[in-house]
Amino acid sequence: MAQYVSVRFYKLTAEADHKAFEQAFHSFAPALGVERVMLLRGLSPNMFGLAPSQFDYGSIHIYASLEEASYTVKTATDLLTADEVPTALKPFLEFWRTVHAAPLEENVVNGFELLSDKPCFTASS
């Protein structure tokens, strides 16, 4: 079964803590159905002439499958209002709260299945 991919774009408000936002991604550990998360920093105008981004950040969330993605979203959403959260899921829930907190989120583009994931290029390749 193909992996499910969610691509998210963020514009942080003036009062948002950029370091705390980045730290949520750096501290992330796979949980529930999320296998991998990549954080991207938006490129501002630069001297290299590359296209800048209109967003501060982007992220790519890779789930084991569409079913796992659905389960993860439902479970995490339910846990946001739960009286008790399993200890093992507390770090994941903190990540979920940070990444999905309004007004950080500007745009969400979902609905991709991962068809190819080539190995990263290394200097020895």
N, C-alpha and C. Protein backbone atom coordinates (compact mmCIF):
# COMPACT_ATOMS: atom_id res chain seq x y z
N MET A 1 0.84 -1.17 0.00
CA MET A 1 0.00 0.00 0.00
C MET A 1 0.89 1.25 0.00
N ALA A 2 0.50 2.26 -0.77
CA ALA A 2 1.27 3.48 -0.89
C ALA A 2 1.19 4.31 0.39
N GLN A 3 2.27 5.03 0.67
CA GLN A 3 2.27 5.94 1.81
C GLN A 3 1.42 7.17 1.48
N TYR A 4 0.90 7.80 2.53
CA TYR A 4 0.10 9.01 2.38
C TYR A 4 0.98 10.20 2.75
N VAL A 5 0.91 11.26 1.96
CA VAL A 5 1.76 12.43 2.18
C VAL A 5 0.90 13.68 2.36
N SER A 6 1.18 14.43 3.39
CA SER A 6 0.54 15.72 3.62
C SER A 6 1.60 16.80 3.50
N VAL A 7 1.33 17.82 2.69
CA VAL A 7 2.23 18.94 2.51
C VAL A 7 1.55 20.15 3.13
N ARG A 8 2.23 20.81 4.04
CA ARG A 8 1.64 21.94 4.75
C ARG A 8 2.51 23.17 4.57
N PHE A 9 1.88 24.34 4.54
CA PHE A 9 2.59 25.61 4.43
C PHE A 9 2.18 26.50 5.59
N TYR A 10 3.11 27.24 6.14
CA TYR A 10 2.85 28.05 7.33
C TYR A 10 3.35 29.48 7.15
N LYS A 11 2.54 30.42 7.63
CA LYS A 11 2.94 31.81 7.81
C LYS A 11 2.75 32.08 9.29
N LEU A 12 3.83 32.35 10.00
CA LEU A 12 3.71 32.59 11.43
C LEU A 12 3.32 34.05 11.67
N THR A 13 2.49 34.25 12.67
CA THR A 13 2.09 35.60 13.03
C THR A 13 3.26 36.31 13.70
N ALA A 14 3.16 37.61 13.83
CA ALA A 14 4.25 38.40 14.42
C ALA A 14 4.57 37.95 15.84
N GLU A 15 3.54 37.52 16.59
CA GLU A 15 3.78 37.12 17.98
C GLU A 15 4.18 35.65 18.13
N ALA A 16 4.19 34.91 17.04
CA ALA A 16 4.57 33.49 17.10
C ALA A 16 6.07 33.33 17.39
N ASP A 17 6.40 32.27 18.08
CA ASP A 17 7.79 31.97 18.44
C ASP A 17 8.38 31.03 17.39
N HIS A 18 9.19 31.57 16.49
CA HIS A 18 9.79 30.78 15.42
C HIS A 18 10.66 29.65 15.97
N LYS A 19 11.43 29.94 17.02
CA LYS A 19 12.31 28.90 17.59
C LYS A 19 11.50 27.75 18.16
N ALA A 20 10.43 28.04 18.87
CA ALA A 20 9.58 26.99 19.44
C ALA A 20 8.93 26.18 18.33
N PHE A 21 8.51 26.85 17.26
CA PHE A 21 7.90 26.16 16.13
C PHE A 21 8.91 25.20 15.50
N GLU A 22 10.13 25.67 15.24
CA GLU A 22 11.17 24.81 14.66
C GLU A 22 11.52 23.68 15.62
N GLN A 23 11.60 23.97 16.90
CA GLN A 23 11.96 22.96 17.88
C GLN A 23 10.95 21.81 17.92
N ALA A 24 9.69 22.12 17.70
CA ALA A 24 8.66 21.06 17.68
C ALA A 24 9.00 20.04 16.60
N PHE A 25 9.49 20.49 15.47
CA PHE A 25 9.88 19.57 14.39
C PHE A 25 11.17 18.84 14.71
N HIS A 26 12.15 19.57 15.29
CA HIS A 26 13.43 18.93 15.61
C HIS A 26 13.26 17.84 16.67
N SER A 27 12.29 18.02 17.55
CA SER A 27 12.06 17.05 18.64
C SER A 27 11.13 15.93 18.23
N PHE A 28 10.56 16.00 17.05
CA PHE A 28 9.57 15.01 16.62
C PHE A 28 10.14 13.59 16.61
N ALA A 29 9.35 12.66 17.08
CA ALA A 29 9.67 11.23 16.98
C ALA A 29 8.45 10.55 16.38
N PRO A 30 8.65 9.62 15.44
CA PRO A 30 7.50 8.95 14.83
C PRO A 30 6.54 8.39 15.88
N ALA A 31 5.25 8.55 15.61
CA ALA A 31 4.22 8.04 16.51
C ALA A 31 2.94 7.85 15.72
N LEU A 32 2.06 7.04 16.28
CA LEU A 32 0.81 6.69 15.61
C LEU A 32 1.14 6.28 14.18
N GLY A 33 0.56 6.89 13.17
CA GLY A 33 0.83 6.47 11.79
C GLY A 33 1.85 7.33 11.07
N VAL A 34 2.40 8.35 11.74
CA VAL A 34 3.36 9.24 11.09
C VAL A 34 4.74 8.60 11.11
N GLU A 35 5.30 8.37 9.93
CA GLU A 35 6.61 7.75 9.84
C GLU A 35 7.75 8.75 9.79
N ARG A 36 7.50 9.89 9.14
CA ARG A 36 8.58 10.86 8.95
C ARG A 36 7.97 12.25 8.75
N VAL A 37 8.67 13.26 9.26
CA VAL A 37 8.26 14.65 9.07
C VAL A 37 9.49 15.45 8.67
N MET A 38 9.35 16.25 7.62
CA MET A 38 10.45 17.11 7.17
C MET A 38 10.00 18.56 7.27
N LEU A 39 10.84 19.41 7.84
CA LEU A 39 10.55 20.83 7.95
C LEU A 39 11.35 21.58 6.90
N LEU A 40 10.70 22.51 6.22
CA LEU A 40 11.34 23.34 5.21
C LEU A 40 11.22 24.80 5.63
N ARG A 41 12.30 25.56 5.50
CA ARG A 41 12.23 26.99 5.79
C ARG A 41 12.03 27.72 4.47
N GLY A 42 11.10 28.64 4.44
CA GLY A 42 10.84 29.42 3.24
C GLY A 42 12.04 30.27 2.88
N LEU A 43 12.37 30.29 1.62
CA LEU A 43 13.51 31.07 1.14
C LEU A 43 13.04 32.49 0.87
N SER A 44 13.72 33.45 1.50
CA SER A 44 13.39 34.85 1.25
C SER A 44 14.22 35.33 0.06
N PRO A 45 13.90 36.49 -0.49
CA PRO A 45 14.69 36.99 -1.63
C PRO A 45 16.18 36.92 -1.31
N ASN A 46 16.96 36.52 -2.29
CA ASN A 46 18.38 36.28 -2.05
C ASN A 46 19.20 36.69 -3.25
N MET A 47 20.51 36.70 -3.06
CA MET A 47 21.41 37.13 -4.13
C MET A 47 21.64 36.04 -5.18
N PHE A 48 21.13 34.86 -4.97
CA PHE A 48 21.34 33.77 -5.91
C PHE A 48 20.30 33.72 -7.02
N GLY A 49 19.26 34.52 -6.89
CA GLY A 49 18.25 34.57 -7.94
C GLY A 49 17.29 33.40 -7.94
N LEU A 50 17.25 32.64 -6.86
CA LEU A 50 16.31 31.52 -6.77
C LEU A 50 14.95 32.03 -6.33
N ALA A 51 13.92 31.31 -6.69
CA ALA A 51 12.55 31.74 -6.36
C ALA A 51 12.35 31.78 -4.85
N PRO A 52 11.88 32.90 -4.33
CA PRO A 52 11.60 32.97 -2.89
C PRO A 52 10.26 32.32 -2.58
N SER A 53 9.98 32.13 -1.31
CA SER A 53 8.71 31.55 -0.88
C SER A 53 7.83 32.63 -0.27
N GLN A 54 6.54 32.49 -0.44
CA GLN A 54 5.61 33.40 0.23
C GLN A 54 5.30 32.92 1.64
N PHE A 55 5.79 31.72 1.99
CA PHE A 55 5.54 31.14 3.30
C PHE A 55 6.81 31.12 4.14
N ASP A 56 6.65 31.17 5.46
CA ASP A 56 7.79 31.08 6.37
C ASP A 56 8.35 29.66 6.42
N TYR A 57 7.45 28.69 6.41
CA TYR A 57 7.84 27.28 6.51
C TYR A 57 6.94 26.41 5.66
N GLY A 58 7.42 25.23 5.41
CA GLY A 58 6.64 24.17 4.81
C GLY A 58 7.00 22.88 5.53
N SER A 59 6.15 21.90 5.47
CA SER A 59 6.49 20.61 6.07
C SER A 59 5.87 19.49 5.23
N ILE A 60 6.54 18.36 5.27
CA ILE A 60 6.07 17.17 4.58
C ILE A 60 5.91 16.09 5.64
N HIS A 61 4.71 15.56 5.75
CA HIS A 61 4.39 14.53 6.74
C HIS A 61 4.10 13.24 5.97
N ILE A 62 4.85 12.20 6.25
CA ILE A 62 4.67 10.94 5.55
C ILE A 62 4.07 9.92 6.52
N TYR A 63 2.91 9.42 6.13
CA TYR A 63 2.18 8.42 6.93
C TYR A 63 2.36 7.05 6.29
N ALA A 64 2.21 6.01 7.07
CA ALA A 64 2.36 4.65 6.57
C ALA A 64 1.36 4.34 5.45
N SER A 65 0.15 4.88 5.56
CA SER A 65 -0.89 4.63 4.57
C SER A 65 -2.00 5.65 4.76
N LEU A 66 -2.93 5.67 3.84
CA LEU A 66 -4.09 6.55 3.96
C LEU A 66 -4.90 6.21 5.21
N GLU A 67 -5.05 4.93 5.49
CA GLU A 67 -5.79 4.49 6.68
C GLU A 67 -5.08 4.96 7.95
N GLU A 68 -3.75 4.84 7.97
CA GLU A 68 -2.98 5.28 9.14
C GLU A 68 -3.09 6.79 9.33
N ALA A 69 -3.10 7.53 8.22
CA ALA A 69 -3.25 8.99 8.31
C ALA A 69 -4.59 9.34 8.92
N SER A 70 -5.63 8.68 8.47
CA SER A 70 -6.97 8.92 9.01
C SER A 70 -7.02 8.59 10.50
N TYR A 71 -6.44 7.47 10.88
CA TYR A 71 -6.40 7.06 12.28
C TYR A 71 -5.62 8.07 13.12
N THR A 72 -4.48 8.53 12.61
CA THR A 72 -3.65 9.48 13.34
C THR A 72 -4.39 10.78 13.58
N VAL A 73 -5.00 11.32 12.54
CA VAL A 73 -5.72 12.59 12.66
C VAL A 73 -6.86 12.45 13.67
N LYS A 74 -7.64 11.38 13.57
CA LYS A 74 -8.76 11.18 14.49
C LYS A 74 -8.25 11.03 15.93
N THR A 75 -7.24 10.21 16.12
CA THR A 75 -6.72 9.97 17.47
C THR A 75 -6.13 11.23 18.07
N ALA A 76 -5.31 11.94 17.31
CA ALA A 76 -4.69 13.17 17.82
C ALA A 76 -5.74 14.23 18.13
N THR A 77 -6.73 14.35 17.28
CA THR A 77 -7.80 15.32 17.50
C THR A 77 -8.58 14.97 18.77
N ASP A 78 -8.87 13.70 18.95
CA ASP A 78 -9.58 13.27 20.16
C ASP A 78 -8.75 13.52 21.42
N LEU A 79 -7.43 13.31 21.32
CA LEU A 79 -6.56 13.49 22.49
C LEU A 79 -6.42 14.95 22.90
N LEU A 80 -6.66 15.87 21.98
CA LEU A 80 -6.55 17.29 22.31
C LEU A 80 -7.53 17.71 23.40
N THR A 81 -8.65 17.00 23.49
CA THR A 81 -9.65 17.33 24.51
C THR A 81 -9.79 16.24 25.57
N ALA A 82 -8.91 15.26 25.52
CA ALA A 82 -8.98 14.16 26.50
C ALA A 82 -8.51 14.61 27.87
N ASP A 83 -9.10 14.04 28.91
CA ASP A 83 -8.68 14.35 30.28
C ASP A 83 -7.30 13.77 30.58
N GLU A 84 -7.03 12.60 30.02
CA GLU A 84 -5.74 11.96 30.24
C GLU A 84 -5.17 11.52 28.91
N VAL A 85 -3.86 11.74 28.75
CA VAL A 85 -3.15 11.35 27.53
C VAL A 85 -2.10 10.31 27.92
N PRO A 86 -2.03 9.19 27.17
CA PRO A 86 -1.00 8.20 27.48
C PRO A 86 0.39 8.85 27.46
N THR A 87 1.20 8.54 28.44
CA THR A 87 2.53 9.14 28.57
C THR A 87 3.33 9.03 27.28
N ALA A 88 3.27 7.88 26.63
CA ALA A 88 4.04 7.67 25.40
C ALA A 88 3.63 8.62 24.27
N LEU A 89 2.39 9.12 24.31
CA LEU A 89 1.91 9.99 23.24
C LEU A 89 1.99 11.48 23.57
N LYS A 90 2.41 11.84 24.79
CA LYS A 90 2.48 13.24 25.17
C LYS A 90 3.42 14.06 24.27
N PRO A 91 4.63 13.57 23.95
CA PRO A 91 5.49 14.35 23.04
C PRO A 91 4.85 14.54 21.66
N PHE A 92 4.22 13.49 21.15
CA PHE A 92 3.56 13.60 19.85
C PHE A 92 2.43 14.61 19.91
N LEU A 93 1.66 14.60 20.98
CA LEU A 93 0.54 15.52 21.10
C LEU A 93 1.02 16.97 21.18
N GLU A 94 2.15 17.21 21.86
CA GLU A 94 2.72 18.56 21.90
C GLU A 94 3.12 19.01 20.49
N PHE A 95 3.73 18.11 19.73
CA PHE A 95 4.06 18.40 18.34
C PHE A 95 2.79 18.73 17.56
N TRP A 96 1.77 17.91 17.71
CA TRP A 96 0.50 18.08 16.99
C TRP A 96 -0.13 19.44 17.30
N ARG A 97 -0.12 19.79 18.59
CA ARG A 97 -0.68 21.09 18.99
C ARG A 97 0.07 22.24 18.33
N THR A 98 1.38 22.19 18.33
CA THR A 98 2.20 23.26 17.77
C THR A 98 1.98 23.39 16.27
N VAL A 99 1.99 22.27 15.57
CA VAL A 99 1.90 22.28 14.11
C VAL A 99 0.51 22.63 13.61
N HIS A 100 -0.51 22.34 14.39
CA HIS A 100 -1.87 22.58 13.94
C HIS A 100 -2.55 23.76 14.64
N ALA A 101 -1.78 24.55 15.37
CA ALA A 101 -2.37 25.66 16.11
C ALA A 101 -2.64 26.85 15.19
N ALA A 102 -3.85 27.34 15.22
CA ALA A 102 -4.14 28.60 14.53
C ALA A 102 -3.55 29.70 15.40
N PRO A 103 -3.04 30.75 14.91
CA PRO A 103 -3.02 31.20 13.53
C PRO A 103 -1.73 30.88 12.79
N LEU A 104 -0.99 29.85 13.21
CA LEU A 104 0.24 29.50 12.52
C LEU A 104 -0.02 28.97 11.12
N GLU A 105 -1.03 28.16 10.97
CA GLU A 105 -1.26 27.46 9.72
C GLU A 105 -1.89 28.38 8.70
N GLU A 106 -1.28 28.46 7.54
CA GLU A 106 -1.78 29.32 6.49
C GLU A 106 -2.48 28.52 5.40
N ASN A 107 -1.94 27.38 5.06
CA ASN A 107 -2.51 26.62 3.95
C ASN A 107 -2.14 25.15 4.11
N VAL A 108 -3.01 24.26 3.72
CA VAL A 108 -2.76 22.83 3.79
C VAL A 108 -3.07 22.23 2.43
N VAL A 109 -2.15 21.43 1.95
CA VAL A 109 -2.35 20.73 0.68
C VAL A 109 -2.21 19.25 1.00
N ASN A 110 -3.31 18.52 1.03
CA ASN A 110 -3.29 17.10 1.34
C ASN A 110 -3.68 16.28 0.12
N GLY A 111 -3.59 14.98 0.26
CA GLY A 111 -4.13 14.10 -0.76
C GLY A 111 -3.12 13.53 -1.72
N PHE A 112 -1.92 13.21 -1.24
CA PHE A 112 -0.90 12.62 -2.10
C PHE A 112 -0.55 11.22 -1.61
N GLU A 113 -0.31 10.32 -2.53
CA GLU A 113 0.24 9.02 -2.19
C GLU A 113 1.66 8.99 -2.72
N LEU A 114 2.60 8.55 -1.88
CA LEU A 114 4.01 8.52 -2.25
C LEU A 114 4.27 7.34 -3.18
N LEU A 115 4.73 7.64 -4.40
CA LEU A 115 5.00 6.60 -5.39
C LEU A 115 6.48 6.30 -5.55
N SER A 116 7.33 7.26 -5.25
CA SER A 116 8.76 7.06 -5.42
C SER A 116 9.49 7.81 -4.32
N ASP A 117 10.46 7.17 -3.71
CA ASP A 117 11.27 7.78 -2.67
C ASP A 117 12.70 7.32 -2.87
N LYS A 118 13.40 7.97 -3.77
CA LYS A 118 14.76 7.57 -4.11
C LYS A 118 15.69 7.86 -2.94
N PRO A 119 16.75 7.10 -2.80
CA PRO A 119 17.73 7.38 -1.76
C PRO A 119 18.37 8.75 -1.95
N CYS A 120 18.75 9.36 -0.85
CA CYS A 120 19.42 10.66 -0.92
C CYS A 120 20.79 10.53 -1.57
N PHE A 121 21.20 11.56 -2.28
CA PHE A 121 22.54 11.58 -2.87
C PHE A 121 23.56 11.77 -1.75
N THR A 122 24.64 11.04 -1.79
CA THR A 122 25.72 11.22 -0.83
C THR A 122 27.00 11.51 -1.59
N ALA A 123 27.97 12.09 -0.91
CA ALA A 123 29.24 12.47 -1.54
C ALA A 123 29.95 11.24 -2.12
N SER A 124 29.72 10.08 -1.53
CA SER A 124 30.41 8.87 -2.01
C SER A 124 29.69 8.21 -3.17
N SER A 125 28.51 8.74 -3.56
CA SER A 125 27.74 8.12 -4.66
C SER A 125 28.37 8.42 -5.99
